[in-house]
Amino acid sequence: MNYTKHIASLDDTTAFAERLANLLQASDVITLEGDLGAGKTTFTKALAKGLGITRTVSSPTFTILKQYEGRLPFNHLDVYRLGDSDEDLGWDELFYGDAVSVIEWAQYIEEDLPSERLELEIYREGDTERRIEIKPRGARYERLCEELMK
């Protein structure tokens, strides 16, 4: 089952991302898709805050990966620059380790992603309004979404 969440403001984005963060466990993988300016990095910053990360979180566009320590270790990846590269950058170590991983522009590494993951697509619907399409892939993420959407 897929879910839709309508967001009216930045505060709503923060609240939703922090709620999700409270449900996350080690090795959870979240993919974020959406046009430039849709709010992927804003969502990721709020998620990191919910994981207890106090460092400033910024987009890893030029470094591909940034790692942070909080309640759980946190990997923030922006793989846009990889395009259609076939380079193996050690994805298994990242995705099956003890960290939560959030991947922006995940379609560029689709074949390397775990089959079980939480896919989020963010769409702009106004200046502050967003629609988030949520697609759980696997039983763990189905249960997570049931709890998240209560």
N, C-alpha and C. Protein backbone atom coordinates (compact mmCIF):
# COMPACT_ATOMS: atom_id res chain seq x y z
N MET A 1 0.84 -1.18 0.00
CA MET A 1 0.00 0.00 0.00
C MET A 1 0.89 1.24 0.00
N ASN A 2 0.56 2.21 -0.81
CA ASN A 2 1.27 3.48 -0.84
C ASN A 2 0.48 4.51 -0.05
N TYR A 3 1.17 5.56 0.39
CA TYR A 3 0.56 6.59 1.23
C TYR A 3 0.86 7.96 0.65
N THR A 4 0.01 8.92 1.00
CA THR A 4 0.23 10.31 0.61
C THR A 4 0.13 11.18 1.85
N LYS A 5 1.08 12.10 2.00
CA LYS A 5 1.07 13.05 3.11
C LYS A 5 1.09 14.45 2.52
N HIS A 6 0.11 15.28 2.89
CA HIS A 6 0.08 16.67 2.45
C HIS A 6 0.70 17.54 3.54
N ILE A 7 1.62 18.39 3.14
CA ILE A 7 2.37 19.25 4.05
C ILE A 7 2.01 20.70 3.72
N ALA A 8 1.63 21.46 4.74
CA ALA A 8 1.20 22.84 4.50
C ALA A 8 2.30 23.87 4.76
N SER A 9 3.30 23.51 5.56
CA SER A 9 4.30 24.51 5.95
C SER A 9 5.62 23.83 6.28
N LEU A 10 6.64 24.66 6.47
CA LEU A 10 7.94 24.16 6.90
C LEU A 10 7.83 23.48 8.26
N ASP A 11 7.02 24.03 9.15
CA ASP A 11 6.83 23.41 10.47
C ASP A 11 6.21 22.02 10.33
N ASP A 12 5.27 21.86 9.40
CA ASP A 12 4.66 20.55 9.16
C ASP A 12 5.69 19.57 8.61
N THR A 13 6.57 20.05 7.73
CA THR A 13 7.63 19.20 7.18
C THR A 13 8.52 18.71 8.32
N THR A 14 8.91 19.64 9.18
CA THR A 14 9.77 19.30 10.31
C THR A 14 9.10 18.27 11.22
N ALA A 15 7.84 18.49 11.55
CA ALA A 15 7.12 17.58 12.44
C ALA A 15 7.01 16.19 11.83
N PHE A 16 6.70 16.13 10.54
CA PHE A 16 6.56 14.84 9.87
C PHE A 16 7.90 14.10 9.82
N ALA A 17 8.96 14.80 9.45
CA ALA A 17 10.28 14.18 9.36
C ALA A 17 10.77 13.71 10.74
N GLU A 18 10.51 14.51 11.77
CA GLU A 18 10.92 14.10 13.11
C GLU A 18 10.12 12.89 13.59
N ARG A 19 8.85 12.84 13.23
CA ARG A 19 8.03 11.66 13.58
C ARG A 19 8.61 10.42 12.91
N LEU A 20 8.96 10.54 11.64
CA LEU A 20 9.58 9.42 10.93
C LEU A 20 10.90 9.03 11.60
N ALA A 21 11.71 10.01 11.95
CA ALA A 21 13.01 9.74 12.58
C ALA A 21 12.85 8.90 13.85
N ASN A 22 11.81 9.16 14.61
CA ASN A 22 11.58 8.42 15.85
C ASN A 22 11.25 6.95 15.61
N LEU A 23 10.86 6.60 14.39
CA LEU A 23 10.50 5.22 14.05
C LEU A 23 11.65 4.47 13.38
N LEU A 24 12.72 5.16 13.06
CA LEU A 24 13.81 4.54 12.31
C LEU A 24 14.71 3.67 13.17
N GLN A 25 15.30 2.68 12.51
CA GLN A 25 16.23 1.76 13.15
C GLN A 25 17.52 1.70 12.32
N ALA A 26 18.54 1.11 12.92
CA ALA A 26 19.81 0.90 12.20
C ALA A 26 19.54 0.16 10.90
N SER A 27 20.25 0.52 9.85
CA SER A 27 20.18 -0.07 8.51
C SER A 27 18.95 0.35 7.71
N ASP A 28 18.12 1.23 8.22
CA ASP A 28 16.99 1.70 7.43
C ASP A 28 17.50 2.55 6.28
N VAL A 29 16.86 2.40 5.12
CA VAL A 29 17.24 3.13 3.91
C VAL A 29 16.01 3.89 3.41
N ILE A 30 16.21 5.19 3.19
CA ILE A 30 15.14 6.05 2.67
C ILE A 30 15.66 6.69 1.39
N THR A 31 14.88 6.60 0.34
CA THR A 31 15.24 7.30 -0.90
C THR A 31 14.34 8.52 -1.03
N LEU A 32 14.93 9.61 -1.53
CA LEU A 32 14.19 10.85 -1.74
C LEU A 32 14.29 11.26 -3.20
N GLU A 33 13.16 11.44 -3.81
CA GLU A 33 13.10 11.93 -5.19
C GLU A 33 12.28 13.21 -5.19
N GLY A 34 12.49 14.02 -6.19
CA GLY A 34 11.74 15.26 -6.33
C GLY A 34 12.56 16.25 -7.14
N ASP A 35 11.88 17.16 -7.78
CA ASP A 35 12.56 18.17 -8.57
C ASP A 35 13.46 19.03 -7.70
N LEU A 36 14.38 19.75 -8.34
CA LEU A 36 15.20 20.72 -7.62
C LEU A 36 14.27 21.69 -6.89
N GLY A 37 14.55 21.94 -5.64
CA GLY A 37 13.74 22.86 -4.86
C GLY A 37 12.49 22.25 -4.27
N ALA A 38 12.28 20.95 -4.44
CA ALA A 38 11.08 20.31 -3.89
C ALA A 38 11.13 20.19 -2.37
N GLY A 39 12.34 20.16 -1.81
CA GLY A 39 12.46 20.09 -0.36
C GLY A 39 13.16 18.85 0.16
N LYS A 40 13.92 18.17 -0.69
CA LYS A 40 14.61 16.96 -0.26
C LYS A 40 15.61 17.24 0.87
N THR A 41 16.42 18.25 0.69
CA THR A 41 17.42 18.56 1.71
C THR A 41 16.76 19.13 2.96
N THR A 42 15.73 19.93 2.80
CA THR A 42 14.99 20.45 3.96
C THR A 42 14.42 19.30 4.77
N PHE A 43 13.82 18.33 4.09
CA PHE A 43 13.28 17.15 4.75
C PHE A 43 14.39 16.39 5.48
N THR A 44 15.53 16.23 4.81
CA THR A 44 16.65 15.49 5.39
C THR A 44 17.18 16.19 6.64
N LYS A 45 17.26 17.51 6.61
CA LYS A 45 17.71 18.26 7.79
C LYS A 45 16.78 18.03 8.97
N ALA A 46 15.47 18.02 8.71
CA ALA A 46 14.50 17.79 9.78
C ALA A 46 14.59 16.36 10.29
N LEU A 47 14.82 15.41 9.39
CA LEU A 47 14.99 14.02 9.80
C LEU A 47 16.21 13.88 10.69
N ALA A 48 17.31 14.52 10.30
CA ALA A 48 18.54 14.48 11.10
C ALA A 48 18.30 15.08 12.48
N LYS A 49 17.57 16.18 12.54
CA LYS A 49 17.24 16.78 13.83
C LYS A 49 16.47 15.78 14.69
N GLY A 50 15.55 15.04 14.07
CA GLY A 50 14.79 14.03 14.80
C GLY A 50 15.65 12.86 15.27
N LEU A 51 16.79 12.66 14.62
CA LEU A 51 17.73 11.61 15.05
C LEU A 51 18.71 12.13 16.09
N GLY A 52 18.53 13.38 16.51
CA GLY A 52 19.39 13.95 17.55
C GLY A 52 20.70 14.49 17.03
N ILE A 53 20.79 14.75 15.75
CA ILE A 53 22.02 15.28 15.17
C ILE A 53 22.03 16.79 15.38
N THR A 54 23.09 17.28 15.99
CA THR A 54 23.18 18.71 16.31
C THR A 54 24.06 19.47 15.32
N ARG A 55 24.90 18.76 14.57
CA ARG A 55 25.72 19.42 13.54
C ARG A 55 24.83 19.96 12.43
N THR A 56 25.30 20.96 11.74
CA THR A 56 24.59 21.49 10.59
C THR A 56 24.62 20.46 9.47
N VAL A 57 23.45 20.14 8.95
CA VAL A 57 23.33 19.18 7.85
C VAL A 57 23.18 19.98 6.57
N SER A 58 24.02 19.68 5.60
CA SER A 58 23.95 20.35 4.30
C SER A 58 24.00 19.30 3.20
N SER A 59 23.60 19.69 2.01
CA SER A 59 23.57 18.75 0.90
C SER A 59 24.98 18.31 0.54
N PRO A 60 25.17 17.00 0.37
CA PRO A 60 26.49 16.48 -0.02
C PRO A 60 26.67 16.42 -1.53
N THR A 61 26.12 17.39 -2.24
CA THR A 61 26.12 17.38 -3.70
C THR A 61 27.51 17.14 -4.28
N PHE A 62 28.54 17.78 -3.75
CA PHE A 62 29.87 17.66 -4.33
C PHE A 62 30.71 16.57 -3.69
N THR A 63 30.33 16.13 -2.50
CA THR A 63 31.08 15.06 -1.84
C THR A 63 30.38 13.72 -1.93
N ILE A 64 29.17 13.69 -2.37
CA ILE A 64 28.31 12.51 -2.50
C ILE A 64 27.81 12.00 -1.15
N LEU A 65 28.65 11.94 -0.14
CA LEU A 65 28.27 11.37 1.15
C LEU A 65 28.74 12.25 2.30
N LYS A 66 27.84 12.47 3.24
CA LYS A 66 28.19 13.08 4.53
C LYS A 66 27.65 12.17 5.61
N GLN A 67 28.42 12.02 6.68
CA GLN A 67 28.03 11.15 7.78
C GLN A 67 27.95 11.96 9.07
N TYR A 68 26.97 11.59 9.89
CA TYR A 68 26.71 12.32 11.13
C TYR A 68 26.44 11.31 12.25
N GLU A 69 26.65 11.76 13.47
CA GLU A 69 26.36 10.94 14.65
C GLU A 69 25.19 11.55 15.41
N GLY A 70 24.24 10.70 15.76
CA GLY A 70 23.08 11.09 16.56
C GLY A 70 22.62 9.87 17.32
N ARG A 71 21.31 9.77 17.57
CA ARG A 71 20.75 8.57 18.21
C ARG A 71 21.17 7.33 17.44
N LEU A 72 21.19 7.45 16.12
CA LEU A 72 21.73 6.44 15.22
C LEU A 72 22.72 7.14 14.29
N PRO A 73 23.76 6.45 13.83
CA PRO A 73 24.60 7.06 12.79
C PRO A 73 23.73 7.37 11.57
N PHE A 74 24.10 8.40 10.84
CA PHE A 74 23.26 8.88 9.74
C PHE A 74 24.12 9.16 8.51
N ASN A 75 23.79 8.51 7.40
CA ASN A 75 24.45 8.74 6.11
C ASN A 75 23.52 9.56 5.24
N HIS A 76 24.00 10.68 4.73
CA HIS A 76 23.23 11.51 3.81
C HIS A 76 23.96 11.50 2.48
N LEU A 77 23.33 10.92 1.46
CA LEU A 77 23.94 10.80 0.15
C LEU A 77 23.16 11.61 -0.87
N ASP A 78 23.88 12.26 -1.75
CA ASP A 78 23.29 12.92 -2.91
C ASP A 78 24.05 12.36 -4.10
N VAL A 79 23.41 11.46 -4.84
CA VAL A 79 24.12 10.73 -5.90
C VAL A 79 23.83 11.30 -7.29
N TYR A 80 23.32 12.53 -7.34
CA TYR A 80 23.00 13.16 -8.62
C TYR A 80 24.21 13.18 -9.55
N ARG A 81 25.35 13.51 -9.02
CA ARG A 81 26.56 13.65 -9.86
C ARG A 81 27.07 12.32 -10.41
N LEU A 82 26.58 11.21 -9.85
CA LEU A 82 27.04 9.91 -10.35
C LEU A 82 26.41 9.58 -11.71
N GLY A 83 25.28 10.20 -12.01
CA GLY A 83 24.62 9.94 -13.29
C GLY A 83 24.46 8.46 -13.51
N ASP A 84 24.89 7.98 -14.64
CA ASP A 84 24.77 6.56 -14.98
C ASP A 84 26.07 5.81 -14.76
N SER A 85 26.88 6.27 -13.82
CA SER A 85 28.16 5.64 -13.52
C SER A 85 27.94 4.22 -13.01
N ASP A 86 28.83 3.31 -13.37
CA ASP A 86 28.77 1.94 -12.88
C ASP A 86 29.73 1.73 -11.72
N GLU A 87 30.25 2.78 -11.18
CA GLU A 87 31.25 2.71 -10.12
C GLU A 87 30.66 2.11 -8.85
N ASP A 88 31.35 1.13 -8.26
CA ASP A 88 30.94 0.55 -6.98
C ASP A 88 31.62 1.34 -5.87
N LEU A 89 30.83 2.05 -5.11
CA LEU A 89 31.38 2.91 -4.05
C LEU A 89 31.18 2.31 -2.66
N GLY A 90 31.00 0.99 -2.59
CA GLY A 90 30.84 0.34 -1.29
C GLY A 90 29.46 0.50 -0.71
N TRP A 91 28.45 0.43 -1.56
CA TRP A 91 27.08 0.65 -1.10
C TRP A 91 26.68 -0.34 0.00
N ASP A 92 27.08 -1.61 -0.14
CA ASP A 92 26.67 -2.61 0.86
C ASP A 92 27.10 -2.21 2.26
N GLU A 93 28.32 -1.70 2.39
CA GLU A 93 28.80 -1.28 3.71
C GLU A 93 27.94 -0.16 4.28
N LEU A 94 27.48 0.74 3.41
CA LEU A 94 26.63 1.83 3.87
C LEU A 94 25.22 1.36 4.20
N PHE A 95 24.62 0.61 3.28
CA PHE A 95 23.20 0.27 3.42
C PHE A 95 22.92 -0.85 4.40
N TYR A 96 23.90 -1.68 4.69
CA TYR A 96 23.67 -2.80 5.59
C TYR A 96 24.47 -2.66 6.88
N GLY A 97 24.97 -1.47 7.15
CA GLY A 97 25.69 -1.20 8.39
C GLY A 97 24.72 -0.79 9.48
N ASP A 98 25.21 0.00 10.42
CA ASP A 98 24.38 0.37 11.57
C ASP A 98 23.77 1.75 11.45
N ALA A 99 23.91 2.38 10.27
CA ALA A 99 23.41 3.74 10.09
C ALA A 99 22.09 3.76 9.34
N VAL A 100 21.35 4.84 9.54
CA VAL A 100 20.22 5.18 8.69
C VAL A 100 20.81 5.88 7.48
N SER A 101 20.35 5.53 6.29
CA SER A 101 20.83 6.16 5.06
C SER A 101 19.69 6.84 4.34
N VAL A 102 19.91 8.10 3.96
CA VAL A 102 18.97 8.85 3.14
C VAL A 102 19.70 9.16 1.84
N ILE A 103 19.07 8.79 0.72
CA ILE A 103 19.70 8.95 -0.58
C ILE A 103 18.84 9.86 -1.46
N GLU A 104 19.39 11.03 -1.81
CA GLU A 104 18.73 11.92 -2.75
C GLU A 104 19.14 11.51 -4.17
N TRP A 105 18.20 11.59 -5.10
CA TRP A 105 18.41 11.22 -6.51
C TRP A 105 18.77 9.74 -6.62
N ALA A 106 18.08 8.91 -5.87
CA ALA A 106 18.40 7.48 -5.78
C ALA A 106 18.25 6.73 -7.09
N GLN A 107 17.49 7.28 -8.04
CA GLN A 107 17.32 6.57 -9.32
C GLN A 107 18.65 6.31 -10.02
N TYR A 108 19.68 7.11 -9.68
CA TYR A 108 20.98 6.93 -10.33
C TYR A 108 21.74 5.71 -9.83
N ILE A 109 21.32 5.15 -8.69
CA ILE A 109 21.97 3.94 -8.18
C ILE A 109 20.93 2.85 -7.90
N GLU A 110 19.83 2.90 -8.64
CA GLU A 110 18.70 1.98 -8.43
C GLU A 110 19.15 0.53 -8.27
N GLU A 111 20.04 0.07 -9.13
CA GLU A 111 20.45 -1.34 -9.11
C GLU A 111 21.28 -1.68 -7.87
N ASP A 112 21.79 -0.70 -7.16
CA ASP A 112 22.60 -0.94 -5.96
C ASP A 112 21.81 -0.80 -4.66
N LEU A 113 20.57 -0.35 -4.76
CA LEU A 113 19.76 -0.12 -3.56
C LEU A 113 19.23 -1.44 -3.00
N PRO A 114 19.04 -1.50 -1.69
CA PRO A 114 18.39 -2.68 -1.11
C PRO A 114 16.96 -2.78 -1.65
N SER A 115 16.48 -3.99 -1.84
CA SER A 115 15.11 -4.15 -2.34
C SER A 115 14.10 -3.66 -1.30
N GLU A 116 14.44 -3.76 -0.03
CA GLU A 116 13.56 -3.26 1.03
C GLU A 116 14.06 -1.89 1.45
N ARG A 117 13.15 -0.91 1.31
CA ARG A 117 13.50 0.48 1.62
C ARG A 117 12.21 1.30 1.67
N LEU A 118 12.36 2.54 2.08
CA LEU A 118 11.23 3.48 2.09
C LEU A 118 11.50 4.54 1.03
N GLU A 119 10.60 4.62 0.05
CA GLU A 119 10.77 5.58 -1.03
C GLU A 119 9.84 6.77 -0.80
N LEU A 120 10.41 7.97 -0.83
CA LEU A 120 9.63 9.20 -0.70
C LEU A 120 9.82 10.05 -1.94
N GLU A 121 8.72 10.52 -2.49
CA GLU A 121 8.75 11.45 -3.62
C GLU A 121 8.08 12.73 -3.15
N ILE A 122 8.80 13.85 -3.25
CA ILE A 122 8.29 15.13 -2.77
C ILE A 122 7.94 16.01 -3.96
N TYR A 123 6.73 16.55 -3.91
CA TYR A 123 6.24 17.41 -4.98
C TYR A 123 5.85 18.77 -4.41
N ARG A 124 6.25 19.83 -5.10
CA ARG A 124 5.84 21.19 -4.73
C ARG A 124 4.39 21.39 -5.14
N GLU A 125 3.62 21.98 -4.23
CA GLU A 125 2.23 22.28 -4.54
C GLU A 125 1.92 23.73 -4.23
N GLY A 126 2.94 24.53 -4.01
CA GLY A 126 2.80 25.94 -3.68
C GLY A 126 4.09 26.40 -3.04
N ASP A 127 4.08 27.62 -2.50
CA ASP A 127 5.29 28.15 -1.89
C ASP A 127 5.79 27.29 -0.74
N THR A 128 4.90 26.89 0.14
CA THR A 128 5.30 26.07 1.28
C THR A 128 4.62 24.70 1.28
N GLU A 129 3.64 24.51 0.42
CA GLU A 129 2.90 23.25 0.41
C GLU A 129 3.66 22.18 -0.38
N ARG A 130 3.63 20.98 0.17
CA ARG A 130 4.27 19.84 -0.48
C ARG A 130 3.33 18.64 -0.37
N ARG A 131 3.51 17.72 -1.31
CA ARG A 131 2.83 16.43 -1.26
C ARG A 131 3.94 15.39 -1.26
N ILE A 132 3.89 14.48 -0.30
CA ILE A 132 4.89 13.43 -0.22
C ILE A 132 4.21 12.10 -0.51
N GLU A 133 4.67 11.45 -1.56
CA GLU A 133 4.20 10.11 -1.90
C GLU A 133 5.15 9.12 -1.22
N ILE A 134 4.59 8.22 -0.43
CA ILE A 134 5.38 7.31 0.39
C ILE A 134 5.13 5.88 -0.09
N LYS A 135 6.21 5.20 -0.44
CA LYS A 135 6.11 3.84 -0.98
C LYS A 135 6.98 2.91 -0.15
N PRO A 136 6.37 2.15 0.75
CA PRO A 136 7.15 1.18 1.51
C PRO A 136 7.47 -0.03 0.65
N ARG A 137 8.71 -0.48 0.72
CA ARG A 137 9.15 -1.66 -0.02
C ARG A 137 9.64 -2.68 1.01
N GLY A 138 8.78 -3.62 1.36
CA GLY A 138 9.12 -4.65 2.34
C GLY A 138 8.29 -4.52 3.60
N ALA A 139 8.18 -5.63 4.32
CA ALA A 139 7.31 -5.71 5.51
C ALA A 139 7.72 -4.72 6.59
N ARG A 140 9.00 -4.54 6.82
CA ARG A 140 9.46 -3.59 7.85
C ARG A 140 8.92 -2.19 7.56
N TYR A 141 9.00 -1.78 6.31
CA TYR A 141 8.57 -0.42 5.94
C TYR A 141 7.06 -0.30 5.86
N GLU A 142 6.36 -1.41 5.58
CA GLU A 142 4.90 -1.39 5.66
C GLU A 142 4.47 -1.09 7.10
N ARG A 143 5.07 -1.80 8.05
CA ARG A 143 4.75 -1.57 9.46
C ARG A 143 5.10 -0.16 9.89
N LEU A 144 6.27 0.32 9.44
CA LEU A 144 6.70 1.67 9.77
C LEU A 144 5.68 2.69 9.26
N CYS A 145 5.21 2.53 8.04
CA CYS A 145 4.23 3.46 7.46
C CYS A 145 2.90 3.41 8.19
N GLU A 146 2.48 2.23 8.58
CA GLU A 146 1.23 2.13 9.34
C GLU A 146 1.30 2.95 10.61
N GLU A 147 2.45 2.88 11.28
CA GLU A 147 2.65 3.66 12.51
C GLU A 147 2.79 5.15 12.19
N LEU A 148 3.54 5.48 11.16
CA LEU A 148 3.81 6.86 10.78
C LEU A 148 2.52 7.61 10.40
N MET A 149 1.62 6.93 9.73
CA MET A 149 0.43 7.59 9.19
C MET A 149 -0.76 7.57 10.16
N LYS A 150 -0.59 7.07 11.37
CA LYS A 150 -1.67 7.08 12.36
C LYS A 150 -2.06 8.48 12.72
